[in-house]
Protein backbone atom coordinates (compact mmCIF):
# COMPACT_ATOMS: atom_id res chain seq x y z
CA MET A 1 13.23 39.19 -108.73
CA ALA A 2 15.78 42.02 -108.58
CA GLY A 3 15.18 45.23 -110.45
CA ASP A 4 16.57 45.69 -113.94
CA GLY A 5 18.68 48.60 -112.67
CA GLU A 6 20.45 46.43 -110.12
CA VAL A 7 21.03 43.67 -112.66
CA LEU A 8 22.30 46.14 -115.26
CA GLY A 9 24.65 47.70 -112.69
CA LEU A 10 26.16 44.31 -111.89
CA LEU A 11 26.40 43.38 -115.59
CA THR A 12 28.18 46.66 -116.29
CA ALA A 13 30.56 46.12 -113.37
CA TYR A 14 31.31 42.60 -114.56
CA GLY A 15 31.93 43.91 -118.09
CA ARG A 16 34.52 46.28 -116.60
CA GLY A 17 36.31 43.27 -115.14
CA GLU A 18 34.91 43.26 -111.59
CA SER A 19 34.65 39.49 -111.19
CA GLN A 20 32.80 39.66 -107.85
CA ALA A 21 29.87 41.32 -109.68
CA LEU A 22 28.99 37.99 -111.34
CA GLU A 23 28.90 36.32 -107.93
CA GLN A 24 26.40 38.96 -106.81
CA LEU A 25 24.45 38.72 -110.07
CA MET A 26 23.90 34.97 -110.20
CA PRO A 27 21.58 34.74 -107.17
CA LEU A 28 19.47 37.53 -108.70
CA VAL A 29 18.97 35.73 -112.03
CA TYR A 30 19.35 32.08 -110.96
CA ASP A 31 15.61 31.33 -111.00
CA GLU A 32 15.30 32.78 -114.50
CA LEU A 33 18.28 30.72 -115.66
CA ARG A 34 16.66 27.58 -114.24
CA ARG A 35 13.43 28.44 -116.09
CA LEU A 36 15.40 28.81 -119.32
CA ALA A 37 17.25 25.55 -118.69
CA ARG A 38 14.02 23.67 -118.00
CA LEU A 39 12.52 25.08 -121.20
CA ARG A 40 15.57 24.07 -123.28
CA ARG A 41 15.77 20.61 -121.79
CA TRP A 42 12.01 19.99 -121.94
CA ARG A 43 12.09 20.58 -125.68
CA TRP A 44 15.03 18.27 -126.34
CA GLN A 45 14.90 15.27 -124.09
CA ASP A 46 12.87 12.88 -122.07
CA PRO A 47 11.35 14.64 -119.03
CA GLN A 48 12.84 12.20 -116.51
CA THR A 49 16.45 12.74 -117.59
CA PRO A 50 18.29 14.77 -114.92
CA GLY A 51 20.40 17.78 -115.69
CA THR A 52 18.57 21.15 -115.43
CA THR A 53 20.80 22.23 -112.56
CA SER A 54 23.84 20.86 -114.39
CA LEU A 55 22.91 22.90 -117.45
CA VAL A 56 22.57 26.10 -115.38
CA HIS A 57 25.91 25.47 -113.68
CA GLU A 58 27.65 24.69 -116.98
CA ALA A 59 26.22 27.90 -118.45
CA TYR A 60 27.45 29.78 -115.38
CA LEU A 61 30.98 28.46 -115.93
CA ASN A 62 30.83 29.62 -119.55
CA LEU A 63 29.48 33.03 -118.53
CA VAL A 64 32.31 33.47 -116.03
CA ASP A 65 34.73 33.38 -118.98
CA GLN A 66 32.89 36.21 -120.77
CA THR A 67 34.55 39.15 -119.05
CA ARG A 68 34.72 41.15 -122.29
CA CYS A 69 30.98 40.91 -123.02
CA GLN A 70 29.04 44.17 -122.64
CA TRP A 71 25.52 43.13 -121.66
CA GLN A 72 22.96 45.87 -122.23
CA ASP A 73 20.30 44.72 -119.78
CA ARG A 74 18.71 41.69 -118.13
CA ARG A 75 17.09 40.52 -121.37
CA HIS A 76 20.39 40.70 -123.24
CA PHE A 77 22.10 38.70 -120.49
CA LEU A 78 19.34 36.07 -120.44
CA TYR A 79 19.43 35.84 -124.23
CA PHE A 80 23.19 35.28 -124.05
CA ALA A 81 22.73 32.69 -121.28
CA SER A 82 20.09 30.93 -123.34
CA VAL A 83 22.34 30.78 -126.40
CA THR A 84 25.09 29.46 -124.13
CA MET A 85 22.74 26.71 -122.90
CA ARG A 86 21.80 25.90 -126.48
CA ASN A 87 25.49 25.53 -127.37
CA ILE A 88 26.08 23.27 -124.37
CA LEU A 89 23.17 21.05 -125.44
CA ILE A 90 24.45 20.96 -129.03
CA ASP A 91 27.90 19.89 -127.81
CA ASN A 92 26.26 17.18 -125.70
CA ALA A 93 24.21 15.96 -128.68
CA LYS A 94 27.32 15.90 -130.88
CA ARG A 95 29.09 13.73 -128.30
CA TYR A 96 26.17 11.28 -128.47
CA GLY A 97 26.44 11.30 -132.26
CA ARG A 98 30.16 10.50 -132.17
CA GLN A 99 29.53 7.85 -129.55
CA LYS A 100 26.77 6.28 -131.65
CA ARG A 101 28.92 6.21 -134.78
CA ALA A 102 31.68 4.55 -132.76
CA GLY A 103 29.22 1.85 -131.69
CA ASP A 104 29.65 2.60 -128.00
CA HIS A 105 26.31 2.95 -126.25
CA GLN A 106 27.66 3.43 -122.73
CA PRO A 107 26.92 6.71 -120.92
CA LEU A 108 29.30 9.54 -121.80
CA ASP A 109 30.48 9.95 -118.23
CA SER A 110 28.90 8.13 -115.34
CA HIS A 111 29.59 11.15 -113.10
CA GLU A 112 28.02 13.68 -115.46
CA PRO A 113 24.23 13.70 -115.91
CA ALA A 114 22.98 13.68 -119.49
CA LEU A 115 21.78 17.04 -120.78
CA VAL A 116 20.24 15.72 -123.99
CA SER A 117 18.90 12.20 -124.29
CA GLN A 118 20.39 9.97 -126.95
CA ALA A 119 16.95 9.59 -128.52
CA ARG A 120 16.55 13.36 -128.99
CA SER A 121 20.15 14.23 -129.90
CA GLU A 122 19.60 13.63 -133.64
CA GLU A 123 16.56 15.91 -133.63
CA PHE A 124 18.50 18.57 -131.76
CA LEU A 125 21.39 18.41 -134.23
CA ALA A 126 18.98 18.57 -137.19
CA LEU A 127 17.45 21.74 -135.72
CA ASP A 128 20.89 23.22 -135.12
CA GLU A 129 21.90 22.54 -138.73
CA ALA A 130 18.63 24.07 -139.98
CA LEU A 131 19.25 27.15 -137.80
CA SER A 132 22.72 27.47 -139.29
CA ARG A 133 21.20 27.45 -142.77
CA LEU A 134 18.62 30.01 -141.64
CA ARG A 135 21.42 32.22 -140.31
CA GLN A 136 23.11 32.07 -143.72
CA ALA A 137 19.84 32.89 -145.46
CA ASP A 138 18.65 35.61 -143.06
CA GLU A 139 20.61 36.63 -139.97
CA ARG A 140 17.72 38.65 -138.53
CA LEU A 141 15.29 35.71 -138.72
CA ALA A 142 17.86 33.50 -136.99
CA ARG A 143 18.29 36.04 -134.18
CA ILE A 144 14.51 36.31 -133.78
CA MET A 145 14.31 32.51 -133.55
CA GLU A 146 17.07 32.49 -130.92
CA CYS A 147 15.29 35.13 -128.85
CA ARG A 148 11.84 33.57 -129.04
CA PHE A 149 12.57 29.84 -129.14
CA PHE A 150 15.85 29.51 -127.30
CA GLY A 151 15.76 32.68 -125.22
CA GLY A 152 12.15 32.26 -124.16
CA LEU A 153 11.60 35.99 -124.72
CA THR A 154 8.22 37.47 -125.59
CA VAL A 155 7.66 39.38 -128.83
CA GLU A 156 8.13 42.67 -126.97
CA GLU A 157 11.25 41.49 -125.13
CA SER A 158 12.73 40.17 -128.39
CA ALA A 159 11.97 43.47 -130.12
CA GLU A 160 13.75 45.34 -127.35
CA ALA A 161 16.75 42.98 -127.32
CA LEU A 162 17.15 43.19 -131.12
CA SER A 163 16.18 46.86 -131.53
CA LEU A 164 13.29 45.95 -133.82
CA SER A 165 9.60 46.77 -133.76
CA PRO A 166 7.24 44.18 -132.23
CA ALA A 167 5.49 43.89 -135.62
CA THR A 168 8.81 43.02 -137.30
CA VAL A 169 9.53 40.39 -134.65
CA LYS A 170 6.03 38.87 -135.07
CA ARG A 171 6.44 38.63 -138.85
CA GLY A 172 9.97 37.31 -138.48
CA TRP A 173 8.87 34.71 -135.91
CA THR A 174 6.13 33.45 -138.23
CA THR A 175 8.49 33.35 -141.21
CA ALA A 176 11.33 31.68 -139.29
CA ARG A 177 9.05 28.95 -137.91
CA ALA A 178 7.65 28.23 -141.37
CA TRP A 179 11.14 28.19 -142.87
CA LEU A 180 12.44 25.80 -140.20
CA TYR A 181 9.40 23.55 -140.49
CA LYS A 182 9.99 23.25 -144.23
CA GLU A 183 13.71 22.62 -143.76
CA LEU A 184 13.18 19.95 -141.12
CA LYS A 185 10.41 18.29 -143.10
CA GLU A 186 12.66 18.07 -146.17
CA SER A 187 15.72 16.93 -144.19
CA PRO A 188 14.44 14.93 -141.20
CA PRO A 189 16.94 13.43 -138.74
CA ASN A 190 17.89 9.79 -139.37
């Protein structure tokens, strides 16, 4: 794993518009991105469905378009990458939902591996809707949930990324999980 200084230097260079910096950065953080992708996909689909590498590559393509983003450090970048992966999975789940409502149960694209299984897409969308409601109710709790659940960050890493104390992140994490549990229990997916 490369040092945070090297990663931050490349992130800063990329933020200034030096596109080759991202090419140098990706090999340094690729293993961490794969870990994040496996974590995201493990939570939202059947384990045998392919696509972890596809998710990392799709996130990479989205990150390439973010030349105006000013990443602060490795954790901030990984948090952003994780949110990007979450959005990719949400888009994939929404496609399954549209496909299901249309009555077409064929694969979305025979050349593109599934990122979210059809069986889990409704659960994923229900969580996304609950997170949107949480964001409206309490932005800070939603950001804590994104760091911990979707970003895979520890309490300390989340505190650093959000400029909060670890105690605040712990309390927020507990509150956000309880809030989401209640929301999902009251409004389960179909």
